Amino acid sequence: MTMAKVYVTLKKGVLDPQGKAIQHSLESLGYREVNDVRLGKYMEIKLNDMPIKDAEKRVKEMCERLLANTVIEDYRFEIVE
């Protein structure tokens, strides 16, 4: 079985209020070394066996059509067998 590990994050310059809230909470707990926090999504997608090139093409389509809002989010993925 093939698995895709997909990471979706906000693009640089897009405000991340949840990340800021986490950063402030960490600072209030004494973690003053934290400079910035950006929140994202991680997904594992199990795929039927197929050639790697086909899996990459299909996962790219999934990301662009549903998994990431490409206007404000970046994505990357890796295929693992």
Protein backbone atom coordinates (compact mmCIF):
# COMPACT_ATOMS: atom_id res chain seq x y z
CA MET A 1 0.00 0.00 0.00
CA THR A 2 1.15 3.53 -0.74
CA MET A 3 0.69 6.44 1.63
CA ALA A 4 0.82 10.17 1.01
CA LYS A 5 1.87 12.47 3.84
CA VAL A 6 0.40 15.92 3.14
CA TYR A 7 1.38 19.13 4.93
CA VAL A 8 -0.71 22.29 4.49
CA THR A 9 0.41 25.64 5.92
CA LEU A 10 -0.63 29.25 5.56
CA LYS A 11 1.37 31.25 3.06
CA LYS A 12 3.87 33.75 4.39
CA GLY A 13 2.14 37.07 4.93
CA VAL A 14 -1.23 35.51 5.76
CA LEU A 15 -2.23 36.27 9.33
CA ASP A 16 -2.41 33.25 11.62
CA PRO A 17 -4.46 34.19 14.71
CA GLN A 18 -4.37 30.64 16.10
CA GLY A 19 -0.59 30.57 15.78
CA LYS A 20 -0.35 33.93 17.56
CA ALA A 21 -2.58 32.67 20.40
CA ILE A 22 -0.33 29.63 20.83
CA GLN A 23 2.76 31.82 20.77
CA HIS A 24 1.35 34.10 23.49
CA SER A 25 0.33 31.10 25.60
CA LEU A 26 3.81 29.60 25.32
CA GLU A 27 5.34 32.94 26.31
CA SER A 28 3.05 33.17 29.33
CA LEU A 29 4.22 29.68 30.36
CA GLY A 30 7.81 30.91 30.35
CA TYR A 31 8.92 29.86 26.86
CA ARG A 32 10.32 33.27 25.94
CA GLU A 33 12.52 31.83 23.19
CA VAL A 34 9.46 31.24 20.94
CA ASN A 35 9.58 33.87 18.22
CA ASP A 36 6.65 32.78 16.02
CA VAL A 37 4.16 29.93 15.67
CA ARG A 38 2.39 28.97 12.44
CA LEU A 39 -0.39 26.42 12.60
CA GLY A 40 -1.00 23.93 9.80
CA LYS A 41 -2.61 20.64 8.90
CA TYR A 42 -1.11 17.18 8.48
CA MET A 43 -2.90 14.35 6.67
CA GLU A 44 -2.07 10.74 5.89
CA ILE A 45 -3.83 9.35 2.84
CA LYS A 46 -3.63 5.65 2.08
CA LEU A 47 -3.71 4.88 -1.62
CA ASN A 48 -4.12 1.69 -3.59
CA ASP A 49 -0.89 0.45 -5.09
CA MET A 50 0.07 2.49 -8.14
CA PRO A 51 3.25 3.81 -9.72
CA ILE A 52 4.85 6.66 -7.75
CA LYS A 53 4.42 9.14 -10.62
CA ASP A 54 0.69 8.40 -10.78
CA ALA A 55 0.35 8.72 -6.99
CA GLU A 56 2.15 12.08 -7.06
CA LYS A 57 -0.14 13.34 -9.82
CA ARG A 58 -3.30 12.22 -7.99
CA VAL A 59 -2.25 13.67 -4.63
CA LYS A 60 -1.32 16.98 -6.28
CA GLU A 61 -4.82 17.08 -7.77
CA MET A 62 -6.36 16.30 -4.36
CA CYS A 63 -4.41 19.11 -2.74
CA GLU A 64 -5.33 21.67 -5.36
CA ARG A 65 -8.99 20.70 -5.56
CA LEU A 66 -9.83 20.07 -1.90
CA LEU A 67 -7.12 19.71 0.72
CA ALA A 68 -5.53 23.16 0.43
CA ASN A 69 -6.95 26.59 -0.29
CA THR A 70 -4.20 27.56 -2.71
CA VAL A 71 -5.09 31.25 -2.45
CA ILE A 72 -3.88 31.42 1.16
CA GLU A 73 -2.20 28.06 1.78
CA ASP A 74 0.88 26.23 0.58
CA TYR A 75 1.14 22.47 0.53
CA ARG A 76 3.76 19.82 0.15
CA PHE A 77 3.57 16.06 0.25
CA GLU A 78 5.66 12.96 0.20
CA ILE A 79 4.77 9.53 -1.07
CA VAL A 80 5.80 6.58 1.12
CA GLU A 81 5.55 2.95 0.13
